[in-house]
Structures are given as C-alpha cells and as structure tokens.
C-alpha cells in the first residue's frame, strides 16, 4: 500500500509542480505572434511582413498561427500537410521539403504521420525564442531602411 500511495503522491506532485500547458506559451507570446500572424474568420492564416521573411520563417509562423487558430476554435488541428503549406505560402514543393527537413533537424517542427501523409506542427518549446528572434530581425531591418 505504501508504494501505491508513494506513486500517487509522486504523480500528483508532477502534475502540481511540473505540468505546463501550451496556453501559457501562447499567452506570453501573444503580442509577438500578432505582429506576424492574423487568423481569418474561417481559420485561415495570413502572414504579415511576408516579404521580409525567409521560407523557413514563413513555415514556422504559419504553424504557430495554426496553434493559435486551434486554440481559438477556428481550426480542428494545429498540424499541417505539405500541400497546405505549399498552397497557402506559395512555396514550391522543391523548396518546402528541404526547409521542413531543416526545421525538423533543428527540433523546431515535429512530424505527425496521418495515414499515408506526413503533417507538421511547431514544437511549442521553441515558439517564444523563435518569435523574439523574428521580432528582433524585423526591427533591425526597419532601422536599416532609409
């Protein structure tokens, strides 16, 4: 009995002291995210400053937007297939695939198998760092413009 109680106590302690949920990250990063991401009434993702973003940055921001859209109840999931990314971002598949691989290799994006397709979702533990870096880059490019 003492072992079961100990395990229950540990489980509760883990829940009480170590659990985190994505809404905390989303709340902390809200102002930075809205600088780049807008969500349509239908749950579509629109990127601002697209002309100043690399392909990998566009992918990351689109995936971050999907998390916000899902949280708002405007999307059923936060994972996206290659076709959606290519169509919505206007990125050719030949460029999209290597950029996704680089993001996966950097542990910024995770792959999710769905039947015969692979979808992609952002790793929530990198969202804050990524957005802060993107904001800094945006400000730096604004300052350099005459």
C-alpha atoms as a PDB file:
ATOM      1  CA  UNK A   1       0.000   0.000   0.000  1.00  0.00           C
ATOM      2  CA  UNK A   2       2.795   2.443   0.828  1.00  0.00           C
ATOM      3  CA  UNK A   3       4.269   2.046  -2.673  1.00  0.00           C
ATOM      4  CA  UNK A   4       0.932   2.812  -4.362  1.00  0.00           C
ATOM      5  CA  UNK A   5       0.476   5.883  -2.157  1.00  0.00           C
ATOM      6  CA  UNK A   6       4.029   6.978  -2.945  1.00  0.00           C
ATOM      7  CA  UNK A   7       3.401   6.620  -6.688  1.00  0.00           C
ATOM      8  CA  UNK A   8       0.104   8.546  -6.378  1.00  0.00           C
ATOM      9  CA  UNK A   9       1.863  11.259  -4.391  1.00  0.00           C
ATOM     10  CA  UNK A  10       4.608  11.499  -6.998  1.00  0.00           C
ATOM     11  CA  UNK A  11       2.049  11.654  -9.819  1.00  0.00           C
ATOM     12  CA  UNK A  12       0.199  14.455  -8.059  1.00  0.00           C
ATOM     13  CA  UNK A  13       3.423  16.300  -7.331  1.00  0.00           C
ATOM     14  CA  UNK A  14       4.409  16.070 -11.001  1.00  0.00           C
ATOM     15  CA  UNK A  15       1.016  17.423 -12.025  1.00  0.00           C
ATOM     16  CA  UNK A  16       1.152  20.203  -9.436  1.00  0.00           C
ATOM     17  CA  UNK A  17       4.745  21.281  -9.964  1.00  0.00           C
ATOM     18  CA  UNK A  18       5.902  20.248 -13.418  1.00  0.00           C
ATOM     19  CA  UNK A  19       2.914  20.427 -15.733  1.00  0.00           C
ATOM     20  CA  UNK A  20       2.680  23.217 -18.200  1.00  0.00           C
ATOM     21  CA  UNK A  21       0.192  23.804 -20.918  1.00  0.00           C
ATOM     22  CA  UNK A  22       0.525  25.467 -24.267  1.00  0.00           C
ATOM     23  CA  UNK A  23      -1.847  28.285 -23.361  1.00  0.00           C
ATOM     24  CA  UNK A  24       0.863  29.744 -21.104  1.00  0.00           C
ATOM     25  CA  UNK A  25       3.283  29.963 -24.026  1.00  0.00           C
ATOM     26  CA  UNK A  26       0.566  31.296 -26.309  1.00  0.00           C
ATOM     27  CA  UNK A  27      -0.452  33.935 -23.780  1.00  0.00           C
ATOM     28  CA  UNK A  28       3.142  35.067 -23.164  1.00  0.00           C
ATOM     29  CA  UNK A  29       3.848  35.267 -26.893  1.00  0.00           C
ATOM     30  CA  UNK A  30       0.534  36.781 -27.975  1.00  0.00           C
ATOM     31  CA  UNK A  31       1.824  40.290 -28.718  1.00  0.00           C
ATOM     32  CA  UNK A  32       4.804  38.986 -30.669  1.00  0.00           C
ATOM     33  CA  UNK A  33       2.682  36.494 -32.608  1.00  0.00           C
ATOM     34  CA  UNK A  34       0.075  39.072 -33.622  1.00  0.00           C
ATOM     35  CA  UNK A  35       2.878  41.135 -35.156  1.00  0.00           C
ATOM     36  CA  UNK A  36       3.218  38.397 -37.793  1.00  0.00           C
ATOM     37  CA  UNK A  37       0.072  36.255 -37.762  1.00  0.00           C
ATOM     38  CA  UNK A  38      -3.577  37.006 -38.420  1.00  0.00           C
ATOM     39  CA  UNK A  39      -6.409  34.483 -38.371  1.00  0.00           C
ATOM     40  CA  UNK A  40      -9.376  34.777 -40.708  1.00  0.00           C
ATOM     41  CA  UNK A  41     -12.941  34.074 -39.581  1.00  0.00           C
ATOM     42  CA  UNK A  42     -12.688  30.732 -41.370  1.00  0.00           C
ATOM     43  CA  UNK A  43      -9.480  29.828 -39.531  1.00  0.00           C
ATOM     44  CA  UNK A  44      -7.069  30.641 -42.342  1.00  0.00           C
ATOM     45  CA  UNK A  45      -3.637  32.011 -41.541  1.00  0.00           C
ATOM     46  CA  UNK A  46      -2.392  35.282 -43.032  1.00  0.00           C
ATOM     47  CA  UNK A  47       1.229  36.318 -42.539  1.00  0.00           C
ATOM     48  CA  UNK A  48       2.313  39.940 -42.230  1.00  0.00           C
ATOM     49  CA  UNK A  49       5.776  41.101 -43.348  1.00  0.00           C
ATOM     50  CA  UNK A  50       5.989  38.084 -45.652  1.00  0.00           C
ATOM     51  CA  UNK A  51       8.411  39.929 -47.939  1.00  0.00           C
ATOM     52  CA  UNK A  52      10.913  40.201 -45.075  1.00  0.00           C
ATOM     53  CA  UNK A  53      10.732  36.552 -44.037  1.00  0.00           C
ATOM     54  CA  UNK A  54      12.722  33.566 -45.200  1.00  0.00           C
ATOM     55  CA  UNK A  55      10.883  30.440 -46.305  1.00  0.00           C
ATOM     56  CA  UNK A  56      11.677  28.677 -43.034  1.00  0.00           C
ATOM     57  CA  UNK A  57      10.406  31.667 -41.051  1.00  0.00           C
ATOM     58  CA  UNK A  58       7.180  31.669 -43.063  1.00  0.00           C
ATOM     59  CA  UNK A  59       6.683  27.974 -42.326  1.00  0.00           C
ATOM     60  CA  UNK A  60       7.315  28.479 -38.614  1.00  0.00           C
ATOM     61  CA  UNK A  61       4.932  31.436 -38.401  1.00  0.00           C
ATOM     62  CA  UNK A  62       2.234  29.595 -40.340  1.00  0.00           C
ATOM     63  CA  UNK A  63       2.498  26.645 -37.946  1.00  0.00           C
ATOM     64  CA  UNK A  64       2.426  29.000 -34.939  1.00  0.00           C
ATOM     65  CA  UNK A  65      -0.668  30.617 -36.440  1.00  0.00           C
ATOM     66  CA  UNK A  66      -2.320  27.195 -36.667  1.00  0.00           C
ATOM     67  CA  UNK A  67      -1.782  26.664 -32.928  1.00  0.00           C
ATOM     68  CA  UNK A  68      -3.479  29.993 -32.198  1.00  0.00           C
ATOM     69  CA  UNK A  69      -6.301  29.180 -34.656  1.00  0.00           C
ATOM     70  CA  UNK A  70      -6.880  25.806 -32.982  1.00  0.00           C
ATOM     71  CA  UNK A  71      -6.839  27.404 -29.532  1.00  0.00           C
ATOM     72  CA  UNK A  72      -9.411  29.954 -30.739  1.00  0.00           C
ATOM     73  CA  UNK A  73     -11.618  27.144 -32.021  1.00  0.00           C
ATOM     74  CA  UNK A  74     -11.124  28.213 -35.650  1.00  0.00           C
ATOM     75  CA  UNK A  75      -9.123  25.146 -36.730  1.00  0.00           C
ATOM     76  CA  UNK A  76      -9.599  21.486 -35.884  1.00  0.00           C
ATOM     77  CA  UNK A  77      -5.887  20.803 -35.578  1.00  0.00           C
ATOM     78  CA  UNK A  78      -2.553  22.518 -35.359  1.00  0.00           C
ATOM     79  CA  UNK A  79      -0.747  20.208 -37.784  1.00  0.00           C
ATOM     80  CA  UNK A  80      -0.455  20.950 -41.488  1.00  0.00           C
ATOM     81  CA  UNK A  81       0.347  18.911 -44.584  1.00  0.00           C
ATOM     82  CA  UNK A  82       2.842  19.802 -47.291  1.00  0.00           C
ATOM     83  CA  UNK A  83       0.085  20.689 -49.749  1.00  0.00           C
ATOM     84  CA  UNK A  84      -1.487  23.246 -47.414  1.00  0.00           C
ATOM     85  CA  UNK A  85       1.872  24.849 -46.668  1.00  0.00           C
ATOM     86  CA  UNK A  86       2.812  24.998 -50.335  1.00  0.00           C
ATOM     87  CA  UNK A  87      -0.558  26.408 -51.399  1.00  0.00           C
ATOM     88  CA  UNK A  88      -1.057  28.910 -48.578  1.00  0.00           C
ATOM     89  CA  UNK A  89       2.515  30.196 -48.535  1.00  0.00           C
ATOM     90  CA  UNK A  90       3.144  29.974 -52.263  1.00  0.00           C
ATOM     91  CA  UNK A  91       6.288  27.930 -51.731  1.00  0.00           C
ATOM     92  CA  UNK A  92       7.233  25.323 -54.362  1.00  0.00           C
ATOM     93  CA  UNK A  93       7.484  21.746 -53.061  1.00  0.00           C
ATOM     94  CA  UNK A  94      11.130  21.630 -54.124  1.00  0.00           C
ATOM     95  CA  UNK A  95      11.907  24.390 -51.612  1.00  0.00           C
ATOM     96  CA  UNK A  96       9.362  23.389 -48.980  1.00  0.00           C
ATOM     97  CA  UNK A  97      10.666  19.881 -48.305  1.00  0.00           C
ATOM     98  CA  UNK A  98      14.312  20.817 -47.562  1.00  0.00           C
ATOM     99  CA  UNK A  99      13.184  23.710 -45.341  1.00  0.00           C
ATOM    100  CA  UNK A 100      10.862  21.394 -43.391  1.00  0.00           C
ATOM    101  CA  UNK A 101      13.699  18.890 -43.001  1.00  0.00           C
ATOM    102  CA  UNK A 102      15.993  21.629 -41.681  1.00  0.00           C
ATOM    103  CA  UNK A 103      13.317  22.723 -39.193  1.00  0.00           C
ATOM    104  CA  UNK A 104      12.771  19.113 -38.077  1.00  0.00           C
ATOM    105  CA  UNK A 105      16.520  18.548 -37.735  1.00  0.00           C
ATOM    106  CA  UNK A 106      16.688  21.690 -35.551  1.00  0.00           C
ATOM    107  CA  UNK A 107      13.810  20.305 -33.406  1.00  0.00           C
ATOM    108  CA  UNK A 108      11.627  23.294 -34.254  1.00  0.00           C
ATOM    109  CA  UNK A 109       8.984  21.268 -36.088  1.00  0.00           C
ATOM    110  CA  UNK A 110       7.705  17.769 -35.442  1.00  0.00           C
ATOM    111  CA  UNK A 111       6.299  15.343 -38.000  1.00  0.00           C
ATOM    112  CA  UNK A 112       2.980  13.609 -37.451  1.00  0.00           C
ATOM    113  CA  UNK A 113       2.049  10.588 -39.566  1.00  0.00           C
ATOM    114  CA  UNK A 114      -1.556  10.584 -40.757  1.00  0.00           C
ATOM    115  CA  UNK A 115      -2.325   7.526 -42.836  1.00  0.00           C
ATOM    116  CA  UNK A 116      -0.005   7.814 -45.843  1.00  0.00           C
ATOM    117  CA  UNK A 117       0.711  11.508 -45.315  1.00  0.00           C
ATOM    118  CA  UNK A 118       3.028  13.387 -43.006  1.00  0.00           C
ATOM    119  CA  UNK A 119       1.832  16.568 -41.347  1.00  0.00           C
ATOM    120  CA  UNK A 120       3.920  19.073 -39.451  1.00  0.00           C
ATOM    121  CA  UNK A 121       3.408  21.020 -36.231  1.00  0.00           C
ATOM    122  CA  UNK A 122       5.541  23.517 -34.386  1.00  0.00           C
ATOM    123  CA  UNK A 123       7.388  22.413 -31.241  1.00  0.00           C
ATOM    124  CA  UNK A 124       5.852  24.619 -28.555  1.00  0.00           C
ATOM    125  CA  UNK A 125       9.061  24.826 -26.555  1.00  0.00           C
ATOM    126  CA  UNK A 126      10.676  26.921 -29.327  1.00  0.00           C
ATOM    127  CA  UNK A 127       7.804  29.315 -30.039  1.00  0.00           C
ATOM    128  CA  UNK A 128       8.851  32.040 -27.614  1.00  0.00           C
ATOM    129  CA  UNK A 129      12.511  32.031 -28.638  1.00  0.00           C
ATOM    130  CA  UNK A 130      11.593  31.977 -32.332  1.00  0.00           C
ATOM    131  CA  UNK A 131       9.137  34.875 -32.059  1.00  0.00           C
ATOM    132  CA  UNK A 132      11.567  37.022 -30.073  1.00  0.00           C
ATOM    133  CA  UNK A 133      14.223  36.400 -32.725  1.00  0.00           C
ATOM    134  CA  UNK A 134      11.782  37.230 -35.537  1.00  0.00           C
ATOM    135  CA  UNK A 135      10.720  40.475 -33.816  1.00  0.00           C
ATOM    136  CA  UNK A 136      14.371  41.479 -33.400  1.00  0.00           C
ATOM    137  CA  UNK A 137      15.080  40.756 -37.060  1.00  0.00           C
ATOM    138  CA  UNK A 138      12.023  42.767 -38.130  1.00  0.00           C
ATOM    139  CA  UNK A 139      13.067  45.750 -36.022  1.00  0.00           C
ATOM    140  CA  UNK A 140      16.654  45.554 -37.279  1.00  0.00           C
ATOM    141  CA  UNK A 141      15.504  45.588 -40.920  1.00  0.00           C
ATOM    142  CA  UNK A 142      13.166  48.541 -40.227  1.00  0.00           C
ATOM    143  CA  UNK A 143      16.046  50.520 -38.694  1.00  0.00           C
ATOM    144  CA  UNK A 144      18.305  49.838 -41.698  1.00  0.00           C
ATOM    145  CA  UNK A 145      15.755  51.169 -44.210  1.00  0.00           C
ATOM    146  CA  UNK A 146      16.307  54.839 -45.160  1.00  0.00           C
END
